[in-house]
Structure formats: C-alpha cells, structure tokens
Amino acid sequence: MRKILPSVSVAAVLVSSLASANEKVIQLSNSDENWVMPGKDYSSDNYSKMTQIDATNVEQLRSAWSFSTGVLNGHEGTPLVVNGKLSSRAR
C-alpha cells in the first residue's frame, strides 16, 4: 500500500499539470493572433477570421525569404505563432 500511494500522488500531479497546460493551449488558440497547433486549434480546420488576405489580393502574395537546409524532401514544418512569436517545428 505504501508503494501505491506515492505513485497515485505523482499521477495526480501529472494529470493536474497536463490539464492546466491544455487549458492554456485552448485559451491561446481562441485568439486569431495565435496559431498554437498545426491545425490552429483542436478542431484542426485551419480557419482564421482574419481578413487582410482575401480573394482580391491573394495573388499578390510572394515569398519573403527562404533557407536551404540541403534536405531535398520530407523536411516540412507548420509555423506556430504564440504571443507574436513565430516558430516552426520539423515533422
């Protein structure tokens, strides 16, 4: 019984920490200024209510920069934006 009690306590702390982190991700994803998951949010519909880019100006978009890593394929990442900071994670 003594071995089980510490394990249960550790599990409770981990679950509590995960729930707190999950709530923060949900809170951040509710803002269109943040893109905290590859699909924007848990619905993963990649939808944003932003209106700066639309059907009348999308053809004017151009690449701002690029960087060659030497990898020819399979090296893609989804950019994530949290509190105005852009990051990308490799898949």
N, C-alpha and C. Protein backbone atom coordinates (compact mmCIF):
# COMPACT_ATOMS: atom_id res chain seq x y z
N MET A 1 0.82 -1.19 0.00
CA MET A 1 0.00 0.00 0.00
C MET A 1 0.87 1.26 0.00
N ARG A 2 2.00 1.21 0.70
CA ARG A 2 2.87 2.38 0.77
C ARG A 2 3.48 2.72 -0.58
N LYS A 3 3.72 1.72 -1.43
CA LYS A 3 4.30 1.96 -2.75
C LYS A 3 3.25 2.54 -3.71
N ILE A 4 2.00 2.18 -3.52
CA ILE A 4 0.94 2.64 -4.41
C ILE A 4 0.62 4.11 -4.15
N LEU A 5 0.60 4.53 -2.90
CA LEU A 5 0.22 5.90 -2.56
C LEU A 5 1.10 6.95 -3.22
N PRO A 6 2.46 6.84 -3.17
CA PRO A 6 3.27 7.83 -3.88
C PRO A 6 3.03 7.83 -5.38
N SER A 7 2.80 6.66 -5.98
CA SER A 7 2.54 6.58 -7.41
C SER A 7 1.25 7.30 -7.78
N VAL A 8 0.23 7.13 -6.95
CA VAL A 8 -1.05 7.80 -7.19
C VAL A 8 -0.88 9.31 -7.05
N SER A 9 -0.09 9.75 -6.08
CA SER A 9 0.15 11.18 -5.88
C SER A 9 0.87 11.78 -7.07
N VAL A 10 1.87 11.10 -7.58
CA VAL A 10 2.62 11.58 -8.74
C VAL A 10 1.70 11.63 -9.96
N ALA A 11 0.88 10.62 -10.14
CA ALA A 11 -0.06 10.61 -11.27
C ALA A 11 -1.04 11.77 -11.16
N ALA A 12 -1.52 12.06 -9.97
CA ALA A 12 -2.46 13.17 -9.78
C ALA A 12 -1.81 14.50 -10.12
N VAL A 13 -0.56 14.69 -9.74
CA VAL A 13 0.16 15.92 -10.06
C VAL A 13 0.36 16.05 -11.57
N LEU A 14 0.72 14.95 -12.23
CA LEU A 14 0.92 14.98 -13.68
C LEU A 14 -0.38 15.30 -14.42
N VAL A 15 -1.47 14.69 -14.02
CA VAL A 15 -2.76 14.94 -14.66
C VAL A 15 -3.16 16.39 -14.45
N SER A 16 -2.95 16.90 -13.25
CA SER A 16 -3.27 18.30 -12.96
C SER A 16 -2.43 19.24 -13.81
N SER A 17 -1.15 18.95 -13.99
CA SER A 17 -0.27 19.78 -14.81
C SER A 17 -0.70 19.75 -16.27
N LEU A 18 -1.05 18.56 -16.77
CA LEU A 18 -1.49 18.44 -18.16
C LEU A 18 -2.79 19.20 -18.39
N ALA A 19 -3.71 19.11 -17.45
CA ALA A 19 -4.98 19.82 -17.59
C ALA A 19 -4.73 21.32 -17.63
N SER A 20 -3.83 21.80 -16.80
CA SER A 20 -3.50 23.23 -16.78
C SER A 20 -2.87 23.67 -18.10
N ALA A 21 -1.95 22.86 -18.61
CA ALA A 21 -1.30 23.18 -19.89
C ALA A 21 -2.33 23.15 -21.02
N ASN A 22 -3.22 22.17 -21.00
CA ASN A 22 -4.25 22.06 -22.02
C ASN A 22 -5.17 23.28 -22.00
N GLU A 23 -5.54 23.76 -20.82
CA GLU A 23 -6.39 24.94 -20.71
C GLU A 23 -5.68 26.17 -21.29
N LYS A 24 -4.38 26.27 -21.08
CA LYS A 24 -3.61 27.40 -21.61
C LYS A 24 -3.57 27.34 -23.14
N VAL A 25 -3.38 26.15 -23.70
CA VAL A 25 -3.37 25.99 -25.16
C VAL A 25 -4.73 26.37 -25.73
N ILE A 26 -5.80 25.93 -25.09
CA ILE A 26 -7.14 26.28 -25.55
C ILE A 26 -7.35 27.79 -25.49
N GLN A 27 -6.93 28.39 -24.39
CA GLN A 27 -7.07 29.84 -24.23
C GLN A 27 -6.29 30.58 -25.33
N LEU A 28 -5.05 30.18 -25.59
CA LEU A 28 -4.24 30.82 -26.63
C LEU A 28 -4.84 30.61 -28.01
N SER A 29 -5.41 29.44 -28.26
CA SER A 29 -5.94 29.16 -29.60
C SER A 29 -7.25 29.91 -29.88
N ASN A 30 -7.88 30.44 -28.87
CA ASN A 30 -9.11 31.22 -29.07
C ASN A 30 -8.84 32.58 -29.72
N SER A 31 -7.60 33.01 -29.69
CA SER A 31 -7.23 34.29 -30.29
C SER A 31 -6.73 34.07 -31.71
N ASP A 32 -7.22 34.87 -32.66
CA ASP A 32 -6.74 34.74 -34.03
C ASP A 32 -5.29 35.20 -34.19
N GLU A 33 -4.76 35.86 -33.18
CA GLU A 33 -3.36 36.28 -33.24
C GLU A 33 -2.40 35.13 -32.96
N ASN A 34 -2.91 34.05 -32.40
CA ASN A 34 -2.09 32.88 -32.08
C ASN A 34 -2.47 31.71 -32.97
N TRP A 35 -1.47 30.94 -33.35
CA TRP A 35 -1.65 29.71 -34.13
C TRP A 35 -0.82 28.67 -33.39
N VAL A 36 -1.38 28.10 -32.32
CA VAL A 36 -0.60 27.30 -31.37
C VAL A 36 -0.50 25.82 -31.70
N MET A 37 -1.26 25.37 -32.71
CA MET A 37 -1.22 23.98 -33.13
C MET A 37 -1.17 23.93 -34.64
N PRO A 38 -0.68 22.84 -35.22
CA PRO A 38 -0.60 22.78 -36.68
C PRO A 38 -1.93 23.05 -37.38
N GLY A 39 -3.06 22.72 -36.79
CA GLY A 39 -4.35 22.98 -37.41
C GLY A 39 -5.06 24.19 -36.85
N LYS A 40 -4.36 25.06 -36.16
CA LYS A 40 -4.85 26.27 -35.50
C LYS A 40 -5.39 25.98 -34.11
N ASP A 41 -6.30 24.99 -33.99
CA ASP A 41 -6.88 24.62 -32.70
C ASP A 41 -7.25 23.14 -32.74
N TYR A 42 -7.93 22.66 -31.72
CA TYR A 42 -8.24 21.23 -31.67
C TYR A 42 -9.21 20.79 -32.77
N SER A 43 -9.99 21.70 -33.34
CA SER A 43 -10.86 21.31 -34.45
C SER A 43 -10.05 21.07 -35.72
N SER A 44 -8.85 21.64 -35.78
CA SER A 44 -7.90 21.44 -36.87
C SER A 44 -8.48 21.79 -38.24
N ASP A 45 -9.28 22.87 -38.28
CA ASP A 45 -9.87 23.27 -39.55
C ASP A 45 -9.05 24.36 -40.26
N ASN A 46 -7.94 24.79 -39.65
CA ASN A 46 -7.05 25.78 -40.25
C ASN A 46 -7.77 27.08 -40.62
N TYR A 47 -8.82 27.42 -39.89
CA TYR A 47 -9.62 28.60 -40.21
C TYR A 47 -9.24 29.78 -39.32
N SER A 48 -9.10 30.94 -39.93
CA SER A 48 -8.87 32.18 -39.21
C SER A 48 -9.86 33.22 -39.70
N LYS A 49 -10.37 34.03 -38.78
CA LYS A 49 -11.31 35.09 -39.15
C LYS A 49 -10.60 36.33 -39.69
N MET A 50 -9.29 36.29 -39.77
CA MET A 50 -8.55 37.45 -40.27
C MET A 50 -8.96 37.75 -41.71
N THR A 51 -8.93 39.03 -42.09
CA THR A 51 -9.44 39.43 -43.40
C THR A 51 -8.42 40.18 -44.26
N GLN A 52 -7.17 40.29 -43.82
CA GLN A 52 -6.17 41.03 -44.60
C GLN A 52 -5.91 40.39 -45.96
N ILE A 53 -5.96 39.08 -46.03
CA ILE A 53 -5.74 38.37 -47.28
C ILE A 53 -7.08 37.80 -47.71
N ASP A 54 -7.49 38.13 -48.93
CA ASP A 54 -8.76 37.63 -49.45
C ASP A 54 -8.62 37.32 -50.94
N ALA A 55 -9.72 37.00 -51.58
CA ALA A 55 -9.71 36.60 -53.00
C ALA A 55 -9.19 37.71 -53.91
N THR A 56 -9.29 38.96 -53.49
CA THR A 56 -8.86 40.06 -54.36
C THR A 56 -7.36 40.33 -54.30
N ASN A 57 -6.69 39.89 -53.24
CA ASN A 57 -5.26 40.20 -53.13
C ASN A 57 -4.35 38.99 -52.92
N VAL A 58 -4.91 37.79 -52.87
CA VAL A 58 -4.10 36.60 -52.61
C VAL A 58 -3.04 36.39 -53.68
N GLU A 59 -3.33 36.77 -54.91
CA GLU A 59 -2.35 36.57 -55.99
C GLU A 59 -1.12 37.48 -55.84
N GLN A 60 -1.19 38.47 -54.98
CA GLN A 60 -0.06 39.37 -54.76
C GLN A 60 0.93 38.82 -53.73
N LEU A 61 0.59 37.72 -53.05
CA LEU A 61 1.48 37.16 -52.04
C LEU A 61 2.75 36.63 -52.68
N ARG A 62 3.87 36.88 -52.06
CA ARG A 62 5.17 36.40 -52.52
C ARG A 62 5.97 35.89 -51.32
N SER A 63 6.91 35.02 -51.57
CA SER A 63 7.80 34.55 -50.50
C SER A 63 8.65 35.71 -50.01
N ALA A 64 8.75 35.85 -48.71
CA ALA A 64 9.56 36.92 -48.13
C ALA A 64 11.00 36.46 -47.97
N TRP A 65 11.24 35.18 -47.72
CA TRP A 65 12.58 34.65 -47.55
C TRP A 65 12.54 33.13 -47.65
N SER A 66 13.68 32.52 -47.83
CA SER A 66 13.79 31.07 -47.82
C SER A 66 15.15 30.69 -47.26
N PHE A 67 15.29 29.45 -46.87
CA PHE A 67 16.53 28.96 -46.28
C PHE A 67 16.72 27.52 -46.73
N SER A 68 17.86 27.21 -47.30
CA SER A 68 18.13 25.86 -47.77
C SER A 68 18.86 25.07 -46.69
N THR A 69 18.31 23.90 -46.34
CA THR A 69 18.95 23.04 -45.36
C THR A 69 19.74 21.91 -46.02
N GLY A 70 19.58 21.77 -47.34
CA GLY A 70 20.25 20.69 -48.04
C GLY A 70 19.40 19.43 -48.13
N VAL A 71 18.29 19.39 -47.42
CA VAL A 71 17.38 18.25 -47.48
C VAL A 71 16.45 18.47 -48.67
N LEU A 72 16.33 17.47 -49.54
CA LEU A 72 15.57 17.65 -50.76
C LEU A 72 14.07 17.42 -50.61
N ASN A 73 13.65 16.58 -49.66
CA ASN A 73 12.22 16.38 -49.44
C ASN A 73 11.98 15.88 -48.01
N GLY A 74 10.74 15.94 -47.60
CA GLY A 74 10.38 15.43 -46.28
C GLY A 74 10.79 16.31 -45.12
N HIS A 75 11.13 17.54 -45.39
CA HIS A 75 11.57 18.44 -44.32
C HIS A 75 10.64 19.64 -44.29
N GLU A 76 9.46 19.42 -43.73
CA GLU A 76 8.45 20.48 -43.68
C GLU A 76 8.04 20.71 -42.24
N GLY A 77 7.62 21.90 -41.96
CA GLY A 77 7.14 22.22 -40.63
C GLY A 77 5.96 23.16 -40.72
N THR A 78 5.11 23.10 -39.73
CA THR A 78 3.98 24.01 -39.66
C THR A 78 4.36 25.16 -38.75
N PRO A 79 4.31 26.38 -39.24
CA PRO A 79 4.65 27.50 -38.36
C PRO A 79 3.60 27.67 -37.27
N LEU A 80 4.06 27.95 -36.08
CA LEU A 80 3.19 28.21 -34.95
C LEU A 80 3.44 29.63 -34.48
N VAL A 81 2.41 30.34 -34.10
CA VAL A 81 2.54 31.71 -33.59
C VAL A 81 1.90 31.76 -32.21
N VAL A 82 2.69 32.18 -31.23
CA VAL A 82 2.20 32.32 -29.87
C VAL A 82 2.67 33.67 -29.33
N ASN A 83 1.73 34.50 -28.98
CA ASN A 83 2.02 35.83 -28.44
C ASN A 83 2.97 36.62 -29.33
N GLY A 84 2.73 36.59 -30.63
CA GLY A 84 3.51 37.38 -31.56
C GLY A 84 4.86 36.80 -31.95
N LYS A 85 5.18 35.60 -31.49
CA LYS A 85 6.45 34.98 -31.83
C LYS A 85 6.20 33.78 -32.73
N LEU A 86 6.89 33.77 -33.88
CA LEU A 86 6.74 32.70 -34.85
C LEU A 86 7.80 31.64 -34.64
N SER A 87 7.38 30.38 -34.65
CA SER A 87 8.33 29.28 -34.57
C SER A 87 7.86 28.19 -35.52
N SER A 88 8.75 27.30 -35.85
CA SER A 88 8.38 26.19 -36.72
C SER A 88 8.97 24.92 -36.14
N ARG A 89 8.21 23.86 -36.22
CA ARG A 89 8.73 22.58 -35.72
C ARG A 89 8.82 21.61 -36.89
N ALA A 90 9.89 20.87 -36.93
CA ALA A 90 10.08 19.91 -38.02
C ALA A 90 9.17 18.71 -37.80
N ARG A 91 8.67 18.16 -38.89
CA ARG A 91 7.83 16.96 -38.80
C ARG A 91 8.65 15.76 -39.09
